[in-house]
N, C-alpha and C. Protein backbone atom coordinates (compact mmCIF):
# COMPACT_ATOMS: atom_id res chain seq x y z
N MET A 1 13.96 -4.01 -16.15
CA MET A 1 13.60 -5.43 -16.30
C MET A 1 12.30 -5.56 -17.08
N ILE A 2 12.29 -6.46 -18.05
CA ILE A 2 11.09 -6.70 -18.85
C ILE A 2 10.14 -7.63 -18.09
N ARG A 3 8.88 -7.22 -17.97
CA ARG A 3 7.88 -8.06 -17.33
C ARG A 3 6.98 -8.65 -18.40
N LEU A 4 6.94 -9.94 -18.49
CA LEU A 4 6.12 -10.62 -19.48
C LEU A 4 4.81 -11.05 -18.85
N PHE A 5 3.78 -10.24 -19.04
CA PHE A 5 2.47 -10.57 -18.48
C PHE A 5 1.90 -11.83 -19.14
N LYS A 6 2.13 -11.97 -20.44
CA LYS A 6 1.69 -13.16 -21.17
C LYS A 6 2.86 -14.12 -21.33
N THR A 7 2.64 -15.39 -21.04
CA THR A 7 3.71 -16.38 -21.15
C THR A 7 4.05 -16.63 -22.62
N PRO A 8 5.32 -16.51 -22.98
CA PRO A 8 5.72 -16.71 -24.38
C PRO A 8 5.44 -18.13 -24.87
N TYR A 9 5.13 -18.24 -26.15
CA TYR A 9 4.82 -19.52 -26.77
C TYR A 9 5.97 -20.52 -26.62
N LEU A 10 7.20 -20.05 -26.79
CA LEU A 10 8.36 -20.94 -26.72
C LEU A 10 8.54 -21.55 -25.33
N VAL A 11 8.20 -20.79 -24.30
CA VAL A 11 8.28 -21.31 -22.94
C VAL A 11 7.28 -22.46 -22.77
N LYS A 12 6.09 -22.28 -23.29
CA LYS A 12 5.07 -23.32 -23.20
C LYS A 12 5.51 -24.58 -23.94
N LYS A 13 6.13 -24.39 -25.09
CA LYS A 13 6.58 -25.54 -25.87
C LYS A 13 7.73 -26.28 -25.18
N LEU A 14 8.63 -25.53 -24.55
CA LEU A 14 9.77 -26.14 -23.88
C LEU A 14 9.32 -26.97 -22.68
N PHE A 15 8.40 -26.41 -21.89
CA PHE A 15 7.90 -27.09 -20.69
C PHE A 15 6.50 -27.64 -20.98
N PHE A 16 6.43 -28.57 -21.91
CA PHE A 16 5.14 -29.03 -22.43
C PHE A 16 4.38 -29.94 -21.47
N ASN A 17 5.05 -30.44 -20.42
CA ASN A 17 4.35 -31.28 -19.45
C ASN A 17 3.55 -30.46 -18.44
N ARG A 18 3.68 -29.16 -18.50
CA ARG A 18 2.98 -28.29 -17.56
C ARG A 18 1.76 -27.67 -18.25
N ILE A 19 0.77 -27.35 -17.45
CA ILE A 19 -0.46 -26.76 -18.00
C ILE A 19 -0.37 -25.25 -17.93
N TRP A 20 -0.40 -24.61 -19.09
CA TRP A 20 -0.24 -23.15 -19.18
C TRP A 20 -1.56 -22.44 -19.46
N GLY A 21 -2.56 -23.19 -19.84
CA GLY A 21 -3.85 -22.61 -20.18
C GLY A 21 -4.72 -23.71 -20.76
N PHE A 22 -5.92 -23.32 -21.18
CA PHE A 22 -6.87 -24.29 -21.70
C PHE A 22 -7.46 -23.78 -23.00
N ASN A 23 -7.85 -24.71 -23.85
CA ASN A 23 -8.51 -24.34 -25.11
C ASN A 23 -10.01 -24.24 -24.86
N HIS A 24 -10.52 -23.03 -24.96
CA HIS A 24 -11.95 -22.81 -24.73
C HIS A 24 -12.51 -21.92 -25.82
N ILE A 25 -13.63 -22.35 -26.37
CA ILE A 25 -14.29 -21.50 -27.35
C ILE A 25 -15.19 -20.48 -26.65
N ASP A 26 -15.58 -20.79 -25.43
CA ASP A 26 -16.38 -19.83 -24.66
C ASP A 26 -15.46 -18.83 -23.98
N ASN A 27 -16.04 -17.74 -23.54
CA ASN A 27 -15.27 -16.69 -22.88
C ASN A 27 -15.04 -17.04 -21.41
N ILE A 28 -14.16 -18.02 -21.17
CA ILE A 28 -13.91 -18.51 -19.82
C ILE A 28 -12.44 -18.32 -19.48
N VAL A 29 -12.18 -17.82 -18.26
CA VAL A 29 -10.80 -17.76 -17.75
C VAL A 29 -10.76 -18.43 -16.38
N PHE A 30 -9.54 -18.65 -15.91
CA PHE A 30 -9.34 -19.36 -14.65
C PHE A 30 -8.56 -18.46 -13.70
N LEU A 31 -9.26 -17.91 -12.73
CA LEU A 31 -8.68 -16.99 -11.76
C LEU A 31 -8.01 -17.80 -10.65
N THR A 32 -6.73 -17.54 -10.41
CA THR A 32 -6.01 -18.29 -9.37
C THR A 32 -5.30 -17.33 -8.42
N PHE A 33 -5.14 -17.81 -7.18
CA PHE A 33 -4.46 -17.04 -6.14
C PHE A 33 -3.38 -17.90 -5.50
N ASP A 34 -2.20 -17.32 -5.31
CA ASP A 34 -1.07 -18.03 -4.70
C ASP A 34 -0.74 -17.46 -3.33
N ASP A 35 -0.17 -18.31 -2.48
CA ASP A 35 0.53 -17.94 -1.24
C ASP A 35 -0.30 -17.99 0.03
N GLY A 36 -1.62 -18.01 -0.04
CA GLY A 36 -2.42 -18.02 1.17
C GLY A 36 -2.54 -19.42 1.76
N PRO A 37 -3.52 -19.59 2.64
CA PRO A 37 -4.45 -18.56 3.10
C PRO A 37 -3.85 -17.71 4.22
N HIS A 38 -4.38 -16.50 4.36
CA HIS A 38 -3.92 -15.61 5.42
C HIS A 38 -5.07 -14.72 5.88
N PRO A 39 -5.24 -14.54 7.19
CA PRO A 39 -6.40 -13.80 7.70
C PRO A 39 -6.45 -12.33 7.29
N GLU A 40 -5.31 -11.75 6.89
CA GLU A 40 -5.32 -10.34 6.52
C GLU A 40 -5.93 -10.10 5.14
N ILE A 41 -5.97 -11.11 4.29
CA ILE A 41 -6.44 -10.85 2.93
C ILE A 41 -7.37 -11.92 2.36
N THR A 42 -7.17 -13.19 2.69
CA THR A 42 -7.97 -14.24 2.06
C THR A 42 -9.47 -14.11 2.36
N PRO A 43 -9.91 -13.84 3.60
CA PRO A 43 -11.35 -13.68 3.83
C PRO A 43 -11.95 -12.54 3.01
N TRP A 44 -11.20 -11.46 2.84
CA TRP A 44 -11.69 -10.34 2.02
C TRP A 44 -11.89 -10.79 0.58
N ILE A 45 -10.91 -11.53 0.04
CA ILE A 45 -11.03 -12.04 -1.33
C ILE A 45 -12.23 -12.98 -1.45
N LEU A 46 -12.39 -13.85 -0.47
CA LEU A 46 -13.52 -14.79 -0.50
C LEU A 46 -14.85 -14.05 -0.47
N ASP A 47 -14.95 -13.01 0.33
CA ASP A 47 -16.19 -12.22 0.38
C ASP A 47 -16.47 -11.57 -0.97
N LEU A 48 -15.43 -11.03 -1.60
CA LEU A 48 -15.61 -10.38 -2.91
C LEU A 48 -16.03 -11.41 -3.96
N LEU A 49 -15.38 -12.55 -3.97
CA LEU A 49 -15.72 -13.58 -4.94
C LEU A 49 -17.16 -14.06 -4.76
N LYS A 50 -17.58 -14.19 -3.51
CA LYS A 50 -18.96 -14.61 -3.25
C LYS A 50 -19.95 -13.56 -3.76
N LYS A 51 -19.63 -12.30 -3.50
CA LYS A 51 -20.49 -11.19 -3.96
C LYS A 51 -20.58 -11.19 -5.48
N GLU A 52 -19.47 -11.48 -6.16
CA GLU A 52 -19.43 -11.45 -7.62
C GLU A 52 -19.82 -12.79 -8.25
N ASN A 53 -20.13 -13.79 -7.41
CA ASN A 53 -20.52 -15.13 -7.88
C ASN A 53 -19.43 -15.74 -8.76
N ILE A 54 -18.19 -15.69 -8.26
CA ILE A 54 -17.03 -16.19 -9.00
C ILE A 54 -16.38 -17.32 -8.20
N LYS A 55 -16.01 -18.38 -8.90
CA LYS A 55 -15.23 -19.45 -8.30
C LYS A 55 -13.80 -19.37 -8.81
N ALA A 56 -12.83 -19.59 -7.91
CA ALA A 56 -11.41 -19.47 -8.25
C ALA A 56 -10.66 -20.69 -7.74
N THR A 57 -9.37 -20.70 -8.02
CA THR A 57 -8.50 -21.79 -7.56
C THR A 57 -7.40 -21.18 -6.70
N PHE A 58 -7.25 -21.70 -5.48
CA PHE A 58 -6.27 -21.17 -4.53
C PHE A 58 -5.13 -22.16 -4.37
N PHE A 59 -3.92 -21.75 -4.74
CA PHE A 59 -2.73 -22.56 -4.53
C PHE A 59 -2.14 -22.18 -3.17
N CYS A 60 -2.35 -23.08 -2.22
CA CYS A 60 -2.10 -22.77 -0.81
C CYS A 60 -0.74 -23.27 -0.34
N VAL A 61 -0.14 -22.49 0.54
CA VAL A 61 1.10 -22.89 1.21
C VAL A 61 0.71 -23.75 2.41
N GLY A 62 1.29 -24.93 2.50
CA GLY A 62 0.90 -25.86 3.55
C GLY A 62 1.03 -25.30 4.95
N ASP A 63 2.08 -24.55 5.22
CA ASP A 63 2.28 -23.98 6.55
C ASP A 63 1.18 -22.99 6.90
N ASN A 64 0.67 -22.27 5.90
CA ASN A 64 -0.43 -21.35 6.15
C ASN A 64 -1.72 -22.10 6.42
N VAL A 65 -1.93 -23.21 5.72
CA VAL A 65 -3.11 -24.04 5.98
C VAL A 65 -3.05 -24.59 7.40
N ARG A 66 -1.86 -25.00 7.81
CA ARG A 66 -1.68 -25.51 9.17
C ARG A 66 -2.01 -24.44 10.20
N LYS A 67 -1.59 -23.21 9.94
CA LYS A 67 -1.82 -22.11 10.89
C LYS A 67 -3.26 -21.61 10.86
N PHE A 68 -3.88 -21.62 9.68
CA PHE A 68 -5.21 -21.01 9.53
C PHE A 68 -6.18 -22.00 8.87
N PRO A 69 -6.42 -23.12 9.51
CA PRO A 69 -7.27 -24.15 8.89
C PRO A 69 -8.70 -23.68 8.65
N GLU A 70 -9.20 -22.77 9.48
CA GLU A 70 -10.58 -22.31 9.30
C GLU A 70 -10.74 -21.53 7.99
N ILE A 71 -9.71 -20.80 7.59
CA ILE A 71 -9.79 -20.07 6.32
C ILE A 71 -9.70 -21.04 5.15
N TYR A 72 -8.83 -22.02 5.26
CA TYR A 72 -8.73 -23.05 4.23
C TYR A 72 -10.08 -23.76 4.06
N ASN A 73 -10.71 -24.08 5.16
CA ASN A 73 -12.02 -24.74 5.10
C ASN A 73 -13.06 -23.84 4.46
N GLN A 74 -12.96 -22.54 4.70
CA GLN A 74 -13.89 -21.61 4.08
C GLN A 74 -13.71 -21.61 2.56
N ILE A 75 -12.47 -21.67 2.10
CA ILE A 75 -12.20 -21.76 0.66
C ILE A 75 -12.94 -22.96 0.08
N ILE A 76 -12.79 -24.10 0.73
CA ILE A 76 -13.43 -25.33 0.26
C ILE A 76 -14.95 -25.21 0.31
N ASN A 77 -15.45 -24.74 1.44
CA ASN A 77 -16.90 -24.65 1.63
C ASN A 77 -17.56 -23.67 0.67
N ASP A 78 -16.81 -22.68 0.21
CA ASP A 78 -17.36 -21.70 -0.74
C ASP A 78 -17.35 -22.23 -2.17
N GLY A 79 -16.82 -23.44 -2.36
CA GLY A 79 -16.88 -24.06 -3.68
C GLY A 79 -15.70 -23.78 -4.58
N HIS A 80 -14.62 -23.27 -4.02
CA HIS A 80 -13.42 -23.01 -4.81
C HIS A 80 -12.55 -24.27 -4.87
N SER A 81 -11.64 -24.31 -5.83
CA SER A 81 -10.66 -25.39 -5.91
C SER A 81 -9.39 -24.99 -5.17
N VAL A 82 -8.62 -25.99 -4.77
CA VAL A 82 -7.35 -25.72 -4.09
C VAL A 82 -6.23 -26.51 -4.77
N GLY A 83 -5.01 -26.01 -4.60
CA GLY A 83 -3.84 -26.70 -5.11
C GLY A 83 -2.69 -26.56 -4.13
N ASN A 84 -1.71 -27.41 -4.29
CA ASN A 84 -0.51 -27.47 -3.44
C ASN A 84 0.51 -26.44 -3.95
N HIS A 85 1.02 -25.63 -3.04
CA HIS A 85 2.03 -24.61 -3.38
C HIS A 85 3.27 -24.80 -2.51
N SER A 86 3.48 -26.05 -2.10
CA SER A 86 4.58 -26.50 -1.22
C SER A 86 4.29 -26.13 0.23
N MET A 87 5.06 -26.68 1.13
CA MET A 87 4.83 -26.46 2.55
C MET A 87 5.32 -25.09 3.00
N TYR A 88 6.47 -24.67 2.48
CA TYR A 88 7.09 -23.43 2.97
C TYR A 88 7.43 -22.47 1.84
N HIS A 89 6.69 -22.56 0.72
CA HIS A 89 6.93 -21.69 -0.44
C HIS A 89 8.38 -21.82 -0.90
N ASN A 90 8.79 -23.06 -1.07
CA ASN A 90 10.19 -23.35 -1.39
C ASN A 90 10.57 -22.89 -2.79
N ASN A 91 11.72 -22.25 -2.88
CA ASN A 91 12.28 -21.83 -4.16
C ASN A 91 13.17 -22.95 -4.68
N ALA A 92 12.80 -23.54 -5.83
CA ALA A 92 13.56 -24.66 -6.36
C ALA A 92 15.01 -24.29 -6.67
N SER A 93 15.26 -23.00 -6.92
CA SER A 93 16.62 -22.55 -7.22
C SER A 93 17.51 -22.55 -5.99
N LYS A 94 16.90 -22.64 -4.81
CA LYS A 94 17.65 -22.59 -3.57
C LYS A 94 17.44 -23.84 -2.72
N SER A 95 16.93 -24.90 -3.35
CA SER A 95 16.63 -26.13 -2.63
C SER A 95 17.26 -27.32 -3.34
N THR A 96 17.53 -28.36 -2.58
CA THR A 96 17.89 -29.62 -3.21
C THR A 96 16.60 -30.30 -3.69
N LYS A 97 16.76 -31.24 -4.59
CA LYS A 97 15.59 -31.97 -5.07
C LYS A 97 14.87 -32.66 -3.92
N LYS A 98 15.62 -33.25 -3.02
CA LYS A 98 15.03 -33.95 -1.88
C LYS A 98 14.23 -33.00 -1.00
N GLU A 99 14.81 -31.82 -0.69
CA GLU A 99 14.12 -30.82 0.14
C GLU A 99 12.83 -30.36 -0.54
N TYR A 100 12.93 -30.13 -1.83
CA TYR A 100 11.80 -29.59 -2.59
C TYR A 100 10.64 -30.58 -2.63
N LEU A 101 10.92 -31.80 -2.99
CA LEU A 101 9.87 -32.81 -3.08
C LEU A 101 9.30 -33.14 -1.71
N SER A 102 10.16 -33.10 -0.69
CA SER A 102 9.70 -33.35 0.68
C SER A 102 8.71 -32.28 1.12
N SER A 103 8.95 -31.04 0.72
CA SER A 103 8.06 -29.93 1.08
C SER A 103 6.69 -30.11 0.43
N ILE A 104 6.67 -30.56 -0.82
CA ILE A 104 5.40 -30.82 -1.50
C ILE A 104 4.65 -31.95 -0.80
N HIS A 105 5.38 -33.00 -0.47
CA HIS A 105 4.76 -34.14 0.20
C HIS A 105 4.19 -33.73 1.57
N GLU A 106 4.93 -32.93 2.31
CA GLU A 106 4.45 -32.48 3.62
C GLU A 106 3.19 -31.64 3.47
N ALA A 107 3.18 -30.77 2.46
CA ALA A 107 2.00 -29.92 2.23
C ALA A 107 0.78 -30.75 1.87
N SER A 108 1.00 -31.89 1.22
CA SER A 108 -0.12 -32.74 0.81
C SER A 108 -0.88 -33.32 2.00
N GLU A 109 -0.26 -33.30 3.18
CA GLU A 109 -0.95 -33.76 4.37
C GLU A 109 -2.03 -32.77 4.82
N TYR A 110 -1.91 -31.52 4.34
CA TYR A 110 -2.87 -30.47 4.69
C TYR A 110 -3.75 -30.07 3.51
N ILE A 111 -3.25 -30.28 2.29
CA ILE A 111 -3.96 -29.83 1.09
C ILE A 111 -4.30 -31.04 0.23
N GLN A 112 -5.56 -31.36 0.15
CA GLN A 112 -5.99 -32.52 -0.61
C GLN A 112 -6.26 -32.10 -2.05
N SER A 113 -5.26 -32.29 -2.91
CA SER A 113 -5.39 -31.84 -4.29
C SER A 113 -4.36 -32.55 -5.17
N THR A 114 -4.70 -32.71 -6.43
CA THR A 114 -3.75 -33.23 -7.41
C THR A 114 -3.17 -32.10 -8.26
N LEU A 115 -3.44 -30.85 -7.86
CA LEU A 115 -2.90 -29.69 -8.57
C LEU A 115 -1.67 -29.18 -7.83
N TYR A 116 -0.65 -28.80 -8.57
CA TYR A 116 0.55 -28.23 -7.95
C TYR A 116 1.04 -27.05 -8.77
N ARG A 117 1.37 -25.97 -8.08
CA ARG A 117 2.01 -24.83 -8.73
C ARG A 117 3.34 -24.54 -8.04
N PRO A 118 4.43 -24.53 -8.79
CA PRO A 118 5.75 -24.26 -8.18
C PRO A 118 5.89 -22.81 -7.75
N PRO A 119 6.30 -22.57 -6.50
CA PRO A 119 6.56 -21.20 -6.06
C PRO A 119 7.56 -20.52 -7.00
N TYR A 120 7.30 -19.26 -7.29
CA TYR A 120 8.13 -18.45 -8.20
C TYR A 120 8.11 -19.00 -9.63
N GLY A 121 7.30 -20.00 -9.88
CA GLY A 121 7.26 -20.61 -11.20
C GLY A 121 8.49 -21.43 -11.53
N ARG A 122 9.29 -21.75 -10.53
CA ARG A 122 10.57 -22.43 -10.76
C ARG A 122 10.47 -23.91 -10.44
N LEU A 123 10.74 -24.70 -11.45
CA LEU A 123 10.74 -26.15 -11.30
C LEU A 123 11.70 -26.72 -12.34
N PRO A 124 12.87 -27.21 -11.93
CA PRO A 124 13.81 -27.79 -12.90
C PRO A 124 13.15 -28.89 -13.72
N ILE A 125 13.38 -28.86 -15.00
CA ILE A 125 12.72 -29.80 -15.91
C ILE A 125 13.07 -31.25 -15.56
N LEU A 126 14.26 -31.48 -14.98
CA LEU A 126 14.66 -32.84 -14.63
C LEU A 126 13.91 -33.36 -13.41
N TRP A 127 13.21 -32.48 -12.68
CA TRP A 127 12.44 -32.91 -11.52
C TRP A 127 10.99 -33.22 -11.88
N GLU A 128 10.58 -32.90 -13.09
CA GLU A 128 9.17 -33.00 -13.48
C GLU A 128 8.61 -34.41 -13.31
N ASN A 129 9.38 -35.41 -13.75
CA ASN A 129 8.86 -36.78 -13.72
C ASN A 129 8.48 -37.25 -12.32
N ASP A 130 9.12 -36.65 -11.30
CA ASP A 130 8.79 -37.02 -9.92
C ASP A 130 7.48 -36.40 -9.47
N LEU A 131 6.98 -35.44 -10.25
CA LEU A 131 5.75 -34.76 -9.87
C LEU A 131 4.55 -35.16 -10.73
N ILE A 132 4.78 -35.29 -12.03
CA ILE A 132 3.64 -35.47 -12.93
C ILE A 132 2.97 -36.84 -12.77
N LYS A 133 3.60 -37.73 -12.03
CA LYS A 133 2.94 -39.00 -11.72
C LYS A 133 1.75 -38.78 -10.79
N ASP A 134 1.86 -37.77 -9.95
CA ASP A 134 0.84 -37.54 -8.93
C ASP A 134 0.11 -36.20 -9.07
N TYR A 135 0.71 -35.27 -9.82
CA TYR A 135 0.15 -33.92 -9.90
C TYR A 135 0.04 -33.41 -11.32
N LYS A 136 -0.95 -32.55 -11.53
CA LYS A 136 -0.97 -31.68 -12.71
C LYS A 136 -0.20 -30.42 -12.32
N VAL A 137 0.86 -30.11 -13.05
CA VAL A 137 1.65 -28.91 -12.75
C VAL A 137 0.99 -27.73 -13.46
N ILE A 138 0.40 -26.84 -12.68
CA ILE A 138 -0.38 -25.73 -13.22
C ILE A 138 0.46 -24.45 -13.21
N MET A 139 0.71 -23.94 -14.40
CA MET A 139 1.44 -22.69 -14.52
C MET A 139 0.45 -21.55 -14.81
N TRP A 140 0.72 -20.72 -15.80
CA TRP A 140 -0.19 -19.61 -16.10
C TRP A 140 0.08 -19.08 -17.50
N SER A 141 -0.90 -18.37 -18.01
CA SER A 141 -0.72 -17.69 -19.29
C SER A 141 -0.81 -16.17 -19.14
N TRP A 142 -1.22 -15.70 -17.96
CA TRP A 142 -1.23 -14.26 -17.68
C TRP A 142 -0.85 -14.05 -16.21
N LEU A 143 0.25 -13.35 -16.01
CA LEU A 143 0.76 -13.06 -14.67
C LEU A 143 0.51 -11.60 -14.34
N SER A 144 -0.14 -11.33 -13.21
CA SER A 144 -0.56 -9.97 -12.90
C SER A 144 0.57 -9.06 -12.39
N TYR A 145 1.61 -9.64 -11.81
CA TYR A 145 2.67 -8.86 -11.14
C TYR A 145 2.09 -7.98 -10.03
N ASP A 146 1.02 -8.44 -9.39
CA ASP A 146 0.43 -7.67 -8.30
C ASP A 146 1.38 -7.52 -7.12
N TYR A 147 2.37 -8.41 -7.01
CA TYR A 147 3.34 -8.39 -5.92
C TYR A 147 4.48 -7.40 -6.15
N ASP A 148 4.57 -6.85 -7.35
CA ASP A 148 5.69 -5.98 -7.73
C ASP A 148 5.34 -4.52 -7.44
N SER A 149 6.05 -3.92 -6.50
CA SER A 149 5.75 -2.53 -6.10
C SER A 149 6.03 -1.53 -7.22
N ASN A 150 6.79 -1.94 -8.22
CA ASN A 150 7.09 -1.05 -9.35
C ASN A 150 6.03 -1.09 -10.44
N ILE A 151 5.06 -2.00 -10.29
CA ILE A 151 3.98 -2.12 -11.26
C ILE A 151 2.69 -1.60 -10.62
N SER A 152 2.11 -0.56 -11.22
CA SER A 152 0.92 0.06 -10.65
C SER A 152 -0.33 -0.71 -11.04
N VAL A 153 -1.41 -0.43 -10.34
CA VAL A 153 -2.70 -1.05 -10.67
C VAL A 153 -3.11 -0.68 -12.09
N SER A 154 -2.89 0.55 -12.48
CA SER A 154 -3.27 0.96 -13.83
C SER A 154 -2.44 0.23 -14.89
N ASP A 155 -1.17 -0.03 -14.58
CA ASP A 155 -0.32 -0.81 -15.50
C ASP A 155 -0.89 -2.22 -15.69
N ILE A 156 -1.27 -2.83 -14.57
CA ILE A 156 -1.80 -4.20 -14.62
C ILE A 156 -3.11 -4.23 -15.42
N LEU A 157 -3.98 -3.26 -15.18
CA LEU A 157 -5.25 -3.23 -15.89
C LEU A 157 -5.06 -2.99 -17.38
N ASN A 158 -4.05 -2.21 -17.73
CA ASN A 158 -3.74 -2.01 -19.16
C ASN A 158 -3.33 -3.32 -19.81
N LYS A 159 -2.56 -4.13 -19.08
CA LYS A 159 -2.13 -5.42 -19.62
C LYS A 159 -3.25 -6.45 -19.61
N ALA A 160 -4.30 -6.19 -18.85
CA ALA A 160 -5.43 -7.11 -18.81
C ALA A 160 -6.17 -7.16 -20.15
N THR A 161 -5.93 -6.19 -21.01
CA THR A 161 -6.56 -6.21 -22.33
C THR A 161 -6.08 -7.39 -23.17
N LYS A 162 -4.96 -8.00 -22.77
CA LYS A 162 -4.40 -9.14 -23.50
C LYS A 162 -4.99 -10.48 -23.04
N ILE A 163 -5.80 -10.45 -21.98
CA ILE A 163 -6.40 -11.69 -21.48
C ILE A 163 -7.39 -12.24 -22.49
N LYS A 164 -7.31 -13.55 -22.73
CA LYS A 164 -8.23 -14.19 -23.67
C LYS A 164 -8.80 -15.47 -23.07
N SER A 165 -9.81 -16.00 -23.72
CA SER A 165 -10.47 -17.20 -23.24
C SER A 165 -9.48 -18.35 -23.07
N GLY A 166 -9.62 -19.07 -21.95
CA GLY A 166 -8.74 -20.19 -21.65
C GLY A 166 -7.53 -19.83 -20.83
N ASP A 167 -7.31 -18.53 -20.61
CA ASP A 167 -6.13 -18.09 -19.85
C ASP A 167 -6.24 -18.47 -18.38
N ILE A 168 -5.09 -18.81 -17.80
CA ILE A 168 -4.95 -18.98 -16.35
C ILE A 168 -4.32 -17.71 -15.82
N LEU A 169 -5.04 -17.02 -14.93
CA LEU A 169 -4.59 -15.74 -14.39
C LEU A 169 -4.02 -15.94 -12.99
N VAL A 170 -2.89 -15.30 -12.71
CA VAL A 170 -2.27 -15.43 -11.40
C VAL A 170 -2.34 -14.11 -10.63
N LEU A 171 -2.95 -14.19 -9.43
CA LEU A 171 -2.90 -13.12 -8.45
C LEU A 171 -2.46 -13.75 -7.14
N HIS A 172 -2.42 -12.96 -6.08
CA HIS A 172 -1.89 -13.47 -4.81
C HIS A 172 -2.78 -13.05 -3.64
N ASP A 173 -2.97 -13.98 -2.69
CA ASP A 173 -3.58 -13.61 -1.41
C ASP A 173 -2.47 -13.61 -0.36
N ASN A 174 -1.57 -12.69 -0.59
CA ASN A 174 -0.39 -12.49 0.26
C ASN A 174 -0.59 -11.21 1.06
N PRO A 175 -0.45 -11.24 2.38
CA PRO A 175 -0.73 -10.04 3.19
C PRO A 175 0.13 -8.84 2.85
N LYS A 176 1.28 -9.06 2.21
CA LYS A 176 2.16 -7.94 1.86
C LYS A 176 1.54 -7.02 0.82
N ILE A 177 0.55 -7.51 0.08
CA ILE A 177 -0.05 -6.69 -0.97
C ILE A 177 -1.54 -6.43 -0.72
N THR A 178 -1.96 -6.52 0.53
CA THR A 178 -3.38 -6.41 0.84
C THR A 178 -4.02 -5.14 0.28
N GLU A 179 -3.43 -3.99 0.54
CA GLU A 179 -4.04 -2.74 0.11
C GLU A 179 -4.08 -2.63 -1.41
N LYS A 180 -3.03 -3.06 -2.06
CA LYS A 180 -3.01 -3.03 -3.53
C LYS A 180 -4.06 -3.96 -4.11
N GLN A 181 -4.19 -5.15 -3.52
CA GLN A 181 -5.15 -6.12 -4.03
C GLN A 181 -6.58 -5.64 -3.88
N LYS A 182 -6.84 -4.90 -2.81
CA LYS A 182 -8.19 -4.39 -2.58
C LYS A 182 -8.59 -3.35 -3.62
N ILE A 183 -7.61 -2.75 -4.26
CA ILE A 183 -7.88 -1.82 -5.35
C ILE A 183 -7.94 -2.58 -6.68
N LEU A 184 -6.97 -3.47 -6.88
CA LEU A 184 -6.84 -4.15 -8.16
C LEU A 184 -7.96 -5.13 -8.45
N LEU A 185 -8.21 -6.06 -7.53
CA LEU A 185 -9.10 -7.17 -7.84
C LEU A 185 -10.52 -6.74 -8.24
N PRO A 186 -11.16 -5.82 -7.52
CA PRO A 186 -12.51 -5.42 -7.96
C PRO A 186 -12.50 -4.80 -9.36
N LYS A 187 -11.47 -4.03 -9.67
CA LYS A 187 -11.40 -3.40 -11.00
C LYS A 187 -11.14 -4.43 -12.09
N LEU A 188 -10.29 -5.41 -11.80
CA LEU A 188 -10.01 -6.45 -12.78
C LEU A 188 -11.26 -7.28 -13.05
N ILE A 189 -11.96 -7.65 -12.00
CA ILE A 189 -13.20 -8.42 -12.16
C ILE A 189 -14.22 -7.63 -12.96
N ARG A 190 -14.36 -6.36 -12.65
CA ARG A 190 -15.33 -5.52 -13.36
C ARG A 190 -14.99 -5.45 -14.85
N TYR A 191 -13.69 -5.27 -15.13
CA TYR A 191 -13.26 -5.19 -16.53
C TYR A 191 -13.57 -6.50 -17.28
N LEU A 192 -13.23 -7.62 -16.67
CA LEU A 192 -13.45 -8.91 -17.33
C LEU A 192 -14.94 -9.20 -17.53
N LYS A 193 -15.74 -8.85 -16.54
CA LYS A 193 -17.18 -9.06 -16.69
C LYS A 193 -17.76 -8.17 -17.79
N GLU A 194 -17.24 -6.97 -17.92
CA GLU A 194 -17.70 -6.08 -19.00
C GLU A 194 -17.37 -6.66 -20.37
N LYS A 195 -16.31 -7.48 -20.43
CA LYS A 195 -15.92 -8.15 -21.68
C LYS A 195 -16.67 -9.48 -21.85
N LYS A 196 -17.67 -9.71 -21.00
CA LYS A 196 -18.50 -10.92 -21.04
C LYS A 196 -17.69 -12.19 -20.76
N ILE A 197 -16.63 -12.06 -19.96
CA ILE A 197 -15.81 -13.19 -19.58
C ILE A 197 -16.36 -13.81 -18.29
N THR A 198 -16.39 -15.13 -18.24
CA THR A 198 -16.84 -15.84 -17.04
C THR A 198 -15.67 -16.62 -16.46
N PHE A 199 -15.89 -17.21 -15.29
CA PHE A 199 -14.80 -17.80 -14.52
C PHE A 199 -15.11 -19.25 -14.15
N GLU A 200 -14.07 -20.09 -14.22
CA GLU A 200 -14.20 -21.48 -13.78
C GLU A 200 -12.99 -21.85 -12.92
N THR A 201 -13.15 -22.93 -12.16
CA THR A 201 -12.04 -23.44 -11.35
C THR A 201 -11.24 -24.45 -12.15
N ILE A 202 -10.01 -24.68 -11.72
CA ILE A 202 -9.18 -25.73 -12.30
C ILE A 202 -9.39 -26.99 -11.47
N LYS A 203 -9.57 -28.10 -12.14
CA LYS A 203 -9.85 -29.36 -11.42
C LYS A 203 -8.91 -30.46 -11.91
């Protein structure tokens, strides 16, 4: 299977109502995390980001915010941005439109944000108009594949050479990849800082 770390230009053109990146002349990227918060990994990520003086954007699952509100509050208090990632990490390919939109609405009761990222990156184009009235649909221009057991940390770091200013980077605060993330994230941050890249949140 081909893994596209960088989002193809044609995909961005086809789904033009979604935000795939930003135009920046400065060396700025947008570090994002999906699937949390979770006590096994999110506090560790927050501690690392604080140590490195980095602000990120966390696309949170509503059910996790409901279960772990203290971690969600820590994300906010540390100055990071948050976004809606649906209530139950719903896959649009396996949901009706009503179920899907209802999950986003339910999550909004726990996550105060106008940012939305579709789980698995799946959002039927015919459903967009129901979302873009209330949300900025945030996609990505560089996907880490940190969740893929067939992709090594060294593979991901090799692909990090393609990261450029304005890119939206996707990683995960998912407990299933805790040990891998603890190796990957410090190395990725170190590499980007060596390239004089800085970090901003999505708002």
